[in-house]
Amino acid sequence: MIKINLLPHREEARRARRQQFYGLMALTALLAGVIWFLGFSIISRQIDIQNDKNQFLKTEISTLDKDIAEIKKLKSQTDSLLARKRVIEALQANRTEMVHLFNELAKRVPEGIYLRTLTQTEQKIALTGVAQSNARITTLMNNLDESPLLENSTLIETKAELVGNRRLNAFSVNTFITRQLADTDAAPPRGAKK
């Protein structure tokens, strides 16, 4: 019988399988390295893109914060200007108030009454004077209440007084100015001729 020694052949087959295993292992390691490198580069690129977006948002937010601060500053300036405008409008509306007041007093003071003082404190007007009789003081108060500029006339005091050998009644009356006259002057009714 012929004896065949298969040991070298088995050794060569083992060596070939080992080399194939090491080759596959190296190829797998190389493939894993390539996949890791690609994944790392893609993720780092996405991180860079997100960081760029974040930086852009931060710069835009800072410019918006500056704009908001500027808007708040402009709003406070606008509010102060509007407050000034309201004060000026109030002054303009009440500018002719004294003229209207003296005109109304000239119309409403009846004969036999002589005014000594007229004092205004905000909307309150204090009148002092002398009258020939108490009936004339009552007529004065009624006339003041009928006026569109004055309201709530109140008699504070009345007393008899001698002025130049004549017996007269000294009086003190308080009345209040209404602010409606300035509004009616500012806007004339429709169809009214200038």
N, C-alpha and C. Protein backbone atom coordinates (compact mmCIF):
# COMPACT_ATOMS: atom_id res chain seq x y z
N MET A 1 0.77 -1.16 0.00
CA MET A 1 0.00 0.00 0.00
C MET A 1 0.83 1.25 0.00
N ILE A 2 0.25 2.30 -0.56
CA ILE A 2 1.01 3.53 -0.69
C ILE A 2 0.62 4.43 0.50
N LYS A 3 1.62 4.89 1.15
CA LYS A 3 1.37 5.78 2.28
C LYS A 3 1.56 7.23 1.82
N ILE A 4 0.52 8.08 2.07
CA ILE A 4 0.60 9.49 1.68
C ILE A 4 0.61 10.32 2.98
N ASN A 5 1.53 11.16 3.03
CA ASN A 5 1.63 12.04 4.21
C ASN A 5 0.84 13.32 3.91
N LEU A 6 -0.26 13.51 4.62
CA LEU A 6 -1.12 14.67 4.40
C LEU A 6 -0.80 15.84 5.35
N LEU A 7 0.17 15.68 6.20
CA LEU A 7 0.49 16.74 7.16
C LEU A 7 0.90 18.04 6.49
N PRO A 8 1.81 18.05 5.49
CA PRO A 8 2.15 19.34 4.91
C PRO A 8 0.97 19.98 4.19
N HIS A 9 0.13 19.15 3.63
CA HIS A 9 -1.01 19.71 2.94
C HIS A 9 -1.97 20.36 3.94
N ARG A 10 -2.17 19.69 5.09
CA ARG A 10 -3.02 20.25 6.12
C ARG A 10 -2.40 21.53 6.69
N GLU A 11 -1.07 21.47 6.83
CA GLU A 11 -0.37 22.67 7.33
C GLU A 11 -0.55 23.81 6.35
N GLU A 12 -0.46 23.55 5.10
CA GLU A 12 -0.62 24.61 4.10
C GLU A 12 -2.06 25.12 4.09
N ALA A 13 -3.03 24.22 4.26
CA ALA A 13 -4.44 24.65 4.29
C ALA A 13 -4.70 25.51 5.53
N ARG A 14 -4.08 25.11 6.68
CA ARG A 14 -4.23 25.90 7.89
C ARG A 14 -3.58 27.27 7.70
N ARG A 15 -2.41 27.26 7.09
CA ARG A 15 -1.72 28.53 6.85
C ARG A 15 -2.52 29.42 5.91
N ALA A 16 -3.11 28.85 4.89
CA ALA A 16 -3.92 29.62 3.95
C ALA A 16 -5.16 30.18 4.65
N ARG A 17 -5.81 29.35 5.51
CA ARG A 17 -6.98 29.86 6.24
C ARG A 17 -6.59 30.95 7.22
N ARG A 18 -5.41 30.77 7.87
CA ARG A 18 -4.94 31.78 8.81
C ARG A 18 -4.68 33.10 8.08
N GLN A 19 -4.01 33.00 6.91
CA GLN A 19 -3.74 34.21 6.14
C GLN A 19 -5.05 34.85 5.66
N GLN A 20 -5.97 34.00 5.26
CA GLN A 20 -7.26 34.52 4.84
C GLN A 20 -7.96 35.21 6.02
N PHE A 21 -7.89 34.59 7.22
CA PHE A 21 -8.49 35.18 8.41
C PHE A 21 -7.84 36.52 8.73
N TYR A 22 -6.48 36.54 8.70
CA TYR A 22 -5.79 37.80 8.98
C TYR A 22 -6.10 38.86 7.92
N GLY A 23 -6.20 38.43 6.68
CA GLY A 23 -6.56 39.36 5.61
C GLY A 23 -7.97 39.94 5.82
N LEU A 24 -8.94 39.04 6.15
CA LEU A 24 -10.30 39.51 6.41
C LEU A 24 -10.34 40.42 7.63
N MET A 25 -9.52 40.06 8.65
CA MET A 25 -9.47 40.88 9.84
C MET A 25 -8.90 42.26 9.52
N ALA A 26 -7.84 42.29 8.70
CA ALA A 26 -7.25 43.58 8.31
C ALA A 26 -8.23 44.37 7.45
N LEU A 27 -8.90 43.68 6.55
CA LEU A 27 -9.89 44.34 5.70
C LEU A 27 -11.06 44.88 6.55
N THR A 28 -11.50 44.10 7.52
CA THR A 28 -12.57 44.54 8.41
C THR A 28 -12.11 45.75 9.23
N ALA A 29 -10.86 45.69 9.74
CA ALA A 29 -10.33 46.82 10.51
C ALA A 29 -10.22 48.05 9.62
N LEU A 30 -9.75 47.85 8.39
CA LEU A 30 -9.64 48.97 7.46
C LEU A 30 -11.02 49.53 7.13
N LEU A 31 -11.98 48.65 6.90
CA LEU A 31 -13.34 49.09 6.62
C LEU A 31 -13.94 49.80 7.83
N ALA A 32 -13.72 49.30 9.03
CA ALA A 32 -14.20 49.95 10.25
C ALA A 32 -13.54 51.33 10.41
N GLY A 33 -12.25 51.42 10.10
CA GLY A 33 -11.55 52.71 10.17
C GLY A 33 -12.12 53.71 9.17
N VAL A 34 -12.39 53.24 7.94
CA VAL A 34 -12.96 54.13 6.92
C VAL A 34 -14.36 54.60 7.36
N ILE A 35 -15.17 53.65 7.88
CA ILE A 35 -16.51 54.02 8.34
C ILE A 35 -16.41 55.01 9.50
N TRP A 36 -15.50 54.72 10.45
CA TRP A 36 -15.33 55.65 11.58
C TRP A 36 -14.88 57.02 11.09
N PHE A 37 -13.91 57.05 10.14
CA PHE A 37 -13.43 58.33 9.62
C PHE A 37 -14.55 59.08 8.91
N LEU A 38 -15.33 58.39 8.09
CA LEU A 38 -16.44 59.04 7.40
C LEU A 38 -17.49 59.55 8.40
N GLY A 39 -17.83 58.72 9.38
CA GLY A 39 -18.79 59.15 10.40
C GLY A 39 -18.27 60.35 11.20
N PHE A 40 -17.00 60.29 11.58
CA PHE A 40 -16.40 61.40 12.34
C PHE A 40 -16.39 62.69 11.52
N SER A 41 -16.00 62.57 10.24
CA SER A 41 -15.94 63.77 9.40
C SER A 41 -17.34 64.33 9.15
N ILE A 42 -18.33 63.47 8.94
CA ILE A 42 -19.69 63.95 8.72
C ILE A 42 -20.22 64.63 9.98
N ILE A 43 -20.01 63.98 11.13
CA ILE A 43 -20.50 64.57 12.38
C ILE A 43 -19.77 65.88 12.69
N SER A 44 -18.45 65.91 12.48
CA SER A 44 -17.71 67.16 12.75
C SER A 44 -18.14 68.26 11.79
N ARG A 45 -18.44 67.90 10.55
CA ARG A 45 -18.94 68.89 9.60
C ARG A 45 -20.30 69.42 10.05
N GLN A 46 -21.19 68.53 10.50
CA GLN A 46 -22.49 68.98 10.99
C GLN A 46 -22.34 69.86 12.24
N ILE A 47 -21.38 69.50 13.10
CA ILE A 47 -21.12 70.33 14.29
C ILE A 47 -20.63 71.71 13.88
N ASP A 48 -19.73 71.75 12.88
CA ASP A 48 -19.23 73.04 12.40
C ASP A 48 -20.36 73.88 11.79
N ILE A 49 -21.21 73.22 11.00
CA ILE A 49 -22.35 73.94 10.40
C ILE A 49 -23.27 74.47 11.49
N GLN A 50 -23.55 73.64 12.53
CA GLN A 50 -24.42 74.09 13.62
C GLN A 50 -23.76 75.21 14.41
N ASN A 51 -22.44 75.12 14.61
CA ASN A 51 -21.73 76.20 15.31
C ASN A 51 -21.80 77.50 14.50
N ASP A 52 -21.67 77.39 13.17
CA ASP A 52 -21.82 78.58 12.33
C ASP A 52 -23.22 79.17 12.45
N LYS A 53 -24.24 78.30 12.45
CA LYS A 53 -25.61 78.77 12.62
C LYS A 53 -25.80 79.43 13.98
N ASN A 54 -25.23 78.80 15.01
CA ASN A 54 -25.34 79.38 16.36
C ASN A 54 -24.66 80.74 16.42
N GLN A 55 -23.50 80.85 15.81
CA GLN A 55 -22.79 82.13 15.81
C GLN A 55 -23.59 83.19 15.05
N PHE A 56 -24.17 82.80 13.93
CA PHE A 56 -25.02 83.73 13.17
C PHE A 56 -26.20 84.18 14.01
N LEU A 57 -26.84 83.21 14.71
CA LEU A 57 -27.98 83.57 15.56
C LEU A 57 -27.55 84.49 16.69
N LYS A 58 -26.37 84.24 17.27
CA LYS A 58 -25.89 85.11 18.36
C LYS A 58 -25.67 86.53 17.86
N THR A 59 -25.07 86.68 16.67
CA THR A 59 -24.86 88.03 16.14
C THR A 59 -26.19 88.70 15.82
N GLU A 60 -27.13 87.93 15.26
CA GLU A 60 -28.44 88.51 14.97
C GLU A 60 -29.19 88.88 16.24
N ILE A 61 -29.07 88.05 17.27
CA ILE A 61 -29.71 88.35 18.55
C ILE A 61 -29.11 89.61 19.16
N SER A 62 -27.79 89.75 19.06
CA SER A 62 -27.16 90.96 19.62
C SER A 62 -27.60 92.21 18.84
N THR A 63 -27.72 92.10 17.51
CA THR A 63 -28.20 93.27 16.76
C THR A 63 -29.67 93.56 17.08
N LEU A 64 -30.47 92.49 17.27
CA LEU A 64 -31.86 92.70 17.66
C LEU A 64 -31.97 93.32 19.06
N ASP A 65 -31.09 92.89 19.97
CA ASP A 65 -31.08 93.50 21.31
C ASP A 65 -30.76 94.98 21.22
N LYS A 66 -29.80 95.33 20.36
CA LYS A 66 -29.48 96.75 20.17
C LYS A 66 -30.67 97.49 19.58
N ASP A 67 -31.34 96.85 18.61
CA ASP A 67 -32.52 97.48 18.01
C ASP A 67 -33.64 97.66 19.03
N ILE A 68 -33.82 96.64 19.88
CA ILE A 68 -34.86 96.74 20.92
C ILE A 68 -34.53 97.85 21.90
N ALA A 69 -33.25 97.97 22.27
CA ALA A 69 -32.85 99.05 23.17
C ALA A 69 -33.10 100.41 22.51
N GLU A 70 -32.80 100.50 21.22
CA GLU A 70 -33.04 101.74 20.49
C GLU A 70 -34.53 102.05 20.41
N ILE A 71 -35.35 101.00 20.19
CA ILE A 71 -36.80 101.19 20.13
C ILE A 71 -37.33 101.65 21.48
N LYS A 72 -36.82 101.05 22.57
CA LYS A 72 -37.26 101.49 23.91
C LYS A 72 -36.88 102.94 24.13
N LYS A 73 -35.67 103.30 23.70
CA LYS A 73 -35.22 104.69 23.85
C LYS A 73 -36.13 105.62 23.04
N LEU A 74 -36.42 105.22 21.80
CA LEU A 74 -37.30 106.04 20.96
C LEU A 74 -38.71 106.10 21.56
N LYS A 75 -39.17 104.99 22.14
CA LYS A 75 -40.50 104.99 22.74
C LYS A 75 -40.55 105.95 23.93
N SER A 76 -39.49 105.93 24.75
CA SER A 76 -39.48 106.86 25.90
C SER A 76 -39.42 108.30 25.40
N GLN A 77 -38.64 108.55 24.34
CA GLN A 77 -38.60 109.90 23.77
C GLN A 77 -39.97 110.29 23.20
N THR A 78 -40.62 109.33 22.53
CA THR A 78 -41.95 109.59 21.98
C THR A 78 -42.95 109.90 23.09
N ASP A 79 -42.87 109.12 24.19
CA ASP A 79 -43.78 109.36 25.31
C ASP A 79 -43.55 110.74 25.91
N SER A 80 -42.26 111.12 26.06
CA SER A 80 -41.99 112.44 26.63
C SER A 80 -42.45 113.55 25.67
N LEU A 81 -42.27 113.33 24.36
CA LEU A 81 -42.74 114.32 23.39
C LEU A 81 -44.27 114.42 23.39
N LEU A 82 -44.94 113.26 23.53
CA LEU A 82 -46.40 113.29 23.59
C LEU A 82 -46.88 113.98 24.86
N ALA A 83 -46.16 113.78 25.96
CA ALA A 83 -46.53 114.48 27.20
C ALA A 83 -46.36 115.99 27.03
N ARG A 84 -45.26 116.38 26.39
CA ARG A 84 -45.05 117.82 26.12
C ARG A 84 -46.15 118.34 25.21
N LYS A 85 -46.49 117.54 24.19
CA LYS A 85 -47.53 117.97 23.25
C LYS A 85 -48.86 118.16 23.98
N ARG A 86 -49.18 117.22 24.91
CA ARG A 86 -50.43 117.35 25.66
C ARG A 86 -50.43 118.61 26.52
N VAL A 87 -49.27 118.90 27.12
CA VAL A 87 -49.18 120.12 27.94
C VAL A 87 -49.37 121.34 27.07
N ILE A 88 -48.73 121.36 25.90
CA ILE A 88 -48.85 122.50 25.00
C ILE A 88 -50.29 122.63 24.50
N GLU A 89 -50.92 121.48 24.17
CA GLU A 89 -52.31 121.53 23.73
C GLU A 89 -53.22 122.06 24.84
N ALA A 90 -52.94 121.63 26.08
CA ALA A 90 -53.74 122.14 27.20
C ALA A 90 -53.54 123.64 27.36
N LEU A 91 -52.29 124.08 27.21
CA LEU A 91 -52.03 125.52 27.30
C LEU A 91 -52.71 126.27 26.15
N GLN A 92 -52.65 125.70 24.95
CA GLN A 92 -53.29 126.33 23.80
C GLN A 92 -54.81 126.39 23.99
N ALA A 93 -55.37 125.29 24.53
CA ALA A 93 -56.83 125.26 24.72
C ALA A 93 -57.26 126.27 25.76
N ASN A 94 -56.44 126.48 26.78
CA ASN A 94 -56.80 127.39 27.87
C ASN A 94 -56.20 128.78 27.70
N ARG A 95 -55.56 129.01 26.56
CA ARG A 95 -54.88 130.29 26.34
C ARG A 95 -55.86 131.46 26.36
N THR A 96 -57.00 131.27 25.78
CA THR A 96 -57.98 132.36 25.70
C THR A 96 -59.00 132.31 26.84
N GLU A 97 -58.72 131.47 27.81
CA GLU A 97 -59.67 131.29 28.90
C GLU A 97 -59.92 132.59 29.67
N MET A 98 -58.87 133.33 29.93
CA MET A 98 -59.03 134.58 30.69
C MET A 98 -59.85 135.60 29.89
N VAL A 99 -59.61 135.66 28.59
CA VAL A 99 -60.37 136.58 27.75
C VAL A 99 -61.85 136.22 27.81
N HIS A 100 -62.15 134.91 27.67
CA HIS A 100 -63.53 134.46 27.74
C HIS A 100 -64.12 134.72 29.13
N LEU A 101 -63.29 134.52 30.16
CA LEU A 101 -63.77 134.74 31.53
C LEU A 101 -64.17 136.21 31.73
N PHE A 102 -63.29 137.14 31.34
CA PHE A 102 -63.61 138.55 31.51
C PHE A 102 -64.80 138.96 30.64
N ASN A 103 -64.90 138.39 29.45
CA ASN A 103 -66.03 138.66 28.58
C ASN A 103 -67.33 138.17 29.23
N GLU A 104 -67.31 136.95 29.79
CA GLU A 104 -68.50 136.42 30.47
C GLU A 104 -68.86 137.24 31.69
N LEU A 105 -67.83 137.64 32.45
CA LEU A 105 -68.12 138.45 33.64
C LEU A 105 -68.75 139.79 33.25
N ALA A 106 -68.24 140.40 32.16
CA ALA A 106 -68.81 141.67 31.70
C ALA A 106 -70.27 141.49 31.30
N LYS A 107 -70.61 140.33 30.70
CA LYS A 107 -71.99 140.07 30.30
C LYS A 107 -72.87 139.73 31.50
N ARG A 108 -72.32 139.00 32.48
CA ARG A 108 -73.14 138.42 33.54
C ARG A 108 -73.27 139.29 34.79
N VAL A 109 -72.40 140.28 34.98
CA VAL A 109 -72.49 141.11 36.18
C VAL A 109 -73.60 142.14 35.97
N PRO A 110 -74.66 142.10 36.81
CA PRO A 110 -75.77 143.05 36.64
C PRO A 110 -75.39 144.45 37.13
N GLU A 111 -76.24 145.41 36.80
CA GLU A 111 -76.01 146.78 37.26
C GLU A 111 -76.14 146.81 38.78
N GLY A 112 -75.38 147.66 39.40
CA GLY A 112 -75.45 147.81 40.84
C GLY A 112 -74.48 146.92 41.59
N ILE A 113 -73.62 146.20 40.83
CA ILE A 113 -72.59 145.36 41.46
C ILE A 113 -71.24 145.86 40.97
N TYR A 114 -70.33 146.01 41.92
CA TYR A 114 -68.98 146.49 41.61
C TYR A 114 -67.99 145.46 42.16
N LEU A 115 -67.19 144.89 41.26
CA LEU A 115 -66.23 143.87 41.66
C LEU A 115 -64.95 144.54 42.16
N ARG A 116 -64.43 144.05 43.25
CA ARG A 116 -63.16 144.55 43.79
C ARG A 116 -62.00 143.66 43.38
N THR A 117 -62.15 142.34 43.61
CA THR A 117 -61.04 141.42 43.28
C THR A 117 -61.59 140.19 42.56
N LEU A 118 -60.73 139.62 41.77
CA LEU A 118 -61.00 138.36 41.09
C LEU A 118 -59.75 137.53 41.26
N THR A 119 -59.85 136.37 41.90
CA THR A 119 -58.70 135.51 42.14
C THR A 119 -59.00 134.12 41.58
N GLN A 120 -58.05 133.60 40.79
CA GLN A 120 -58.24 132.27 40.22
C GLN A 120 -57.22 131.33 40.83
N THR A 121 -57.69 130.18 41.32
CA THR A 121 -56.84 129.10 41.81
C THR A 121 -57.28 127.84 41.08
N GLU A 122 -56.47 127.42 40.11
CA GLU A 122 -56.80 126.31 39.21
C GLU A 122 -58.14 126.61 38.54
N GLN A 123 -59.22 125.87 38.87
CA GLN A 123 -60.51 126.12 38.22
C GLN A 123 -61.44 126.97 39.09
N LYS A 124 -61.02 127.27 40.28
CA LYS A 124 -61.87 128.03 41.21
C LYS A 124 -61.63 129.53 41.03
N ILE A 125 -62.72 130.30 40.94
CA ILE A 125 -62.67 131.76 40.83
C ILE A 125 -63.32 132.34 42.09
N ALA A 126 -62.60 133.21 42.78
CA ALA A 126 -63.14 133.89 43.96
C ALA A 126 -63.38 135.35 43.59
N LEU A 127 -64.64 135.78 43.71
CA LEU A 127 -65.02 137.16 43.40
C LEU A 127 -65.38 137.87 44.71
N THR A 128 -64.87 139.08 44.87
CA THR A 128 -65.29 139.92 45.99
C THR A 128 -65.69 141.27 45.43
N GLY A 129 -66.66 141.90 46.08
CA GLY A 129 -67.12 143.21 45.62
C GLY A 129 -68.23 143.73 46.50
N VAL A 130 -68.88 144.77 46.01
CA VAL A 130 -70.01 145.36 46.74
C VAL A 130 -71.21 145.44 45.81
N ALA A 131 -72.41 145.36 46.42
CA ALA A 131 -73.65 145.42 45.66
C ALA A 131 -74.61 146.37 46.35
N GLN A 132 -75.53 146.89 45.57
CA GLN A 132 -76.51 147.82 46.13
C GLN A 132 -77.53 147.08 46.99
N SER A 133 -77.76 145.78 46.69
CA SER A 133 -78.71 145.01 47.49
C SER A 133 -78.36 143.53 47.39
N ASN A 134 -78.93 142.75 48.30
CA ASN A 134 -78.71 141.29 48.27
C ASN A 134 -79.38 140.67 47.05
N ALA A 135 -80.43 141.27 46.55
CA ALA A 135 -81.11 140.74 45.36
C ALA A 135 -80.17 140.79 44.15
N ARG A 136 -79.36 141.82 44.08
CA ARG A 136 -78.40 141.91 42.96
C ARG A 136 -77.31 140.82 43.08
N ILE A 137 -76.94 140.48 44.30
CA ILE A 137 -75.96 139.38 44.50
C ILE A 137 -76.58 138.07 44.02
N THR A 138 -77.86 137.84 44.35
CA THR A 138 -78.56 136.64 43.90
C THR A 138 -78.64 136.61 42.38
N THR A 139 -78.92 137.76 41.76
CA THR A 139 -78.97 137.83 40.29
C THR A 139 -77.60 137.51 39.70
N LEU A 140 -76.55 138.03 40.31
CA LEU A 140 -75.19 137.73 39.85
C LEU A 140 -74.93 136.23 39.90
N MET A 141 -75.25 135.57 41.00
CA MET A 141 -75.01 134.13 41.13
C MET A 141 -75.82 133.34 40.11
N ASN A 142 -77.07 133.73 39.89
CA ASN A 142 -77.89 133.05 38.87
C ASN A 142 -77.30 133.25 37.48
N ASN A 143 -76.85 134.47 37.19
CA ASN A 143 -76.24 134.75 35.88
C ASN A 143 -74.96 133.93 35.70
N LEU A 144 -74.15 133.80 36.75
CA LEU A 144 -72.91 133.01 36.66
C LEU A 144 -73.22 131.54 36.41
N ASP A 145 -74.28 131.04 37.05
CA ASP A 145 -74.64 129.63 36.84
C ASP A 145 -75.20 129.39 35.44
N GLU A 146 -75.82 130.38 34.82
CA GLU A 146 -76.35 130.24 33.46
C GLU A 146 -75.25 130.33 32.41
N SER A 147 -74.09 130.80 32.78
CA SER A 147 -72.98 130.96 31.83
C SER A 147 -72.44 129.59 31.40
N PRO A 148 -72.09 129.44 30.11
CA PRO A 148 -71.49 128.17 29.67
C PRO A 148 -70.06 128.00 30.17
N LEU A 149 -69.44 129.07 30.66
CA LEU A 149 -68.05 129.01 31.12
C LEU A 149 -67.95 128.80 32.62
N LEU A 150 -68.97 129.17 33.39
CA LEU A 150 -68.91 129.11 34.85
C LEU A 150 -70.02 128.21 35.38
N GLU A 151 -69.76 127.64 36.57
CA GLU A 151 -70.75 126.76 37.18
C GLU A 151 -70.55 126.73 38.70
N ASN A 152 -71.53 126.23 39.41
CA ASN A 152 -71.47 126.01 40.86
C ASN A 152 -71.11 127.28 41.64
N SER A 153 -71.84 128.33 41.43
CA SER A 153 -71.60 129.57 42.18
C SER A 153 -72.08 129.39 43.62
N THR A 154 -71.24 129.82 44.55
CA THR A 154 -71.55 129.68 45.97
C THR A 154 -71.27 131.00 46.68
N LEU A 155 -72.25 131.46 47.46
CA LEU A 155 -72.07 132.67 48.25
C LEU A 155 -71.31 132.30 49.52
N ILE A 156 -70.17 132.95 49.71
CA ILE A 156 -69.34 132.68 50.88
C ILE A 156 -69.73 133.61 52.03
N GLU A 157 -69.88 134.91 51.71
CA GLU A 157 -70.14 135.87 52.78
C GLU A 157 -70.82 137.10 52.20
N THR A 158 -71.68 137.68 52.98
CA THR A 158 -72.26 138.98 52.66
C THR A 158 -72.41 139.77 53.96
N LYS A 159 -72.08 141.07 53.89
CA LYS A 159 -72.20 141.91 55.09
C LYS A 159 -72.42 143.36 54.65
N ALA A 160 -73.04 144.09 55.52
CA ALA A 160 -73.31 145.51 55.24
C ALA A 160 -72.04 146.32 55.47
N GLU A 161 -71.88 147.36 54.61
CA GLU A 161 -70.65 148.16 54.68
C GLU A 161 -70.97 149.57 54.22
N LEU A 162 -70.34 150.56 54.85
CA LEU A 162 -70.51 151.95 54.43
C LEU A 162 -69.38 152.32 53.49
N VAL A 163 -69.75 152.75 52.28
CA VAL A 163 -68.76 153.17 51.28
C VAL A 163 -69.19 154.55 50.82
N GLY A 164 -68.40 155.60 51.19
CA GLY A 164 -68.71 156.97 50.76
C GLY A 164 -70.10 157.41 51.17
N ASN A 165 -70.46 157.25 52.41
CA ASN A 165 -71.75 157.63 52.96
C ASN A 165 -72.91 156.86 52.33
N ARG A 166 -72.62 155.74 51.70
CA ARG A 166 -73.68 154.89 51.13
C ARG A 166 -73.61 153.52 51.79
N ARG A 167 -74.74 152.97 52.09
CA ARG A 167 -74.77 151.64 52.69
C ARG A 167 -74.86 150.61 51.57
N LEU A 168 -73.79 149.78 51.44
CA LEU A 168 -73.73 148.75 50.40
C LEU A 168 -73.51 147.38 51.07
N ASN A 169 -73.73 146.34 50.30
CA ASN A 169 -73.52 144.97 50.79
C ASN A 169 -72.23 144.41 50.19
N ALA A 170 -71.24 144.17 51.04
CA ALA A 170 -69.99 143.52 50.57
C ALA A 170 -70.25 142.02 50.47
N PHE A 171 -69.71 141.39 49.45
CA PHE A 171 -69.95 139.97 49.25
C PHE A 171 -68.68 139.26 48.79
N SER A 172 -68.73 137.95 48.94
CA SER A 172 -67.66 137.08 48.45
C SER A 172 -68.34 135.85 47.84
N VAL A 173 -68.04 135.56 46.57
CA VAL A 173 -68.67 134.46 45.83
C VAL A 173 -67.57 133.60 45.21
N ASN A 174 -67.74 132.30 45.31
CA ASN A 174 -66.86 131.35 44.62
C ASN A 174 -67.62 130.71 43.48
N THR A 175 -66.94 130.54 42.35
CA THR A 175 -67.51 129.85 41.20
C THR A 175 -66.40 129.05 40.54
N PHE A 176 -66.74 128.15 39.64
CA PHE A 176 -65.77 127.27 39.01
C PHE A 176 -65.85 127.39 37.50
N ILE A 177 -64.69 127.31 36.85
CA ILE A 177 -64.60 127.37 35.38
C ILE A 177 -64.82 125.96 34.84
N THR A 178 -65.63 125.87 33.80
CA THR A 178 -65.76 124.60 33.07
C THR A 178 -64.81 124.66 31.89
N ARG A 179 -64.24 123.53 31.53
CA ARG A 179 -63.26 123.49 30.43
C ARG A 179 -63.94 123.21 29.09
N GLN A 180 -65.24 123.24 29.02
CA GLN A 180 -65.94 122.90 27.80
C GLN A 180 -65.87 124.00 26.76
N LEU A 181 -65.66 125.22 27.17
CA LEU A 181 -65.67 126.33 26.22
C LEU A 181 -64.53 126.23 25.23
N ALA A 182 -63.36 125.76 25.70
CA ALA A 182 -62.21 125.63 24.80
C ALA A 182 -62.47 124.58 23.73
N ASP A 183 -63.18 123.50 24.10
CA ASP A 183 -63.49 122.47 23.12
C ASP A 183 -64.47 122.97 22.08
N THR A 184 -65.46 123.78 22.48
CA THR A 184 -66.43 124.27 21.52
C THR A 184 -65.81 125.30 20.60
N ASP A 185 -64.83 126.07 21.09
CA ASP A 185 -64.15 127.02 20.23
C ASP A 185 -63.25 126.33 19.21
N ALA A 186 -62.65 125.21 19.63
CA ALA A 186 -61.70 124.52 18.76
C ALA A 186 -62.40 123.89 17.57
N ALA A 187 -63.60 123.35 17.77
CA ALA A 187 -64.31 122.68 16.70
C ALA A 187 -65.66 123.33 16.49
N PRO A 188 -65.76 124.26 15.52
CA PRO A 188 -67.05 124.91 15.27
C PRO A 188 -68.04 123.91 14.71
N PRO A 189 -69.34 124.10 14.98
CA PRO A 189 -70.34 123.16 14.46
C PRO A 189 -70.40 123.17 12.94
N ARG A 190 -70.94 122.09 12.40
CA ARG A 190 -71.05 121.98 10.94
C ARG A 190 -72.00 123.02 10.41
N GLY A 191 -71.65 123.55 9.28
CA GLY A 191 -72.52 124.53 8.64
C GLY A 191 -72.34 125.91 9.18
N ALA A 192 -71.54 126.09 10.24
CA ALA A 192 -71.31 127.43 10.80
C ALA A 192 -70.36 128.18 9.92
N LYS A 193 -70.68 129.44 9.66
CA LYS A 193 -69.81 130.28 8.83
C LYS A 193 -68.71 130.86 9.70
N LYS A 194 -67.53 130.98 9.10
CA LYS A 194 -66.41 131.57 9.83
C LYS A 194 -66.48 133.07 9.73
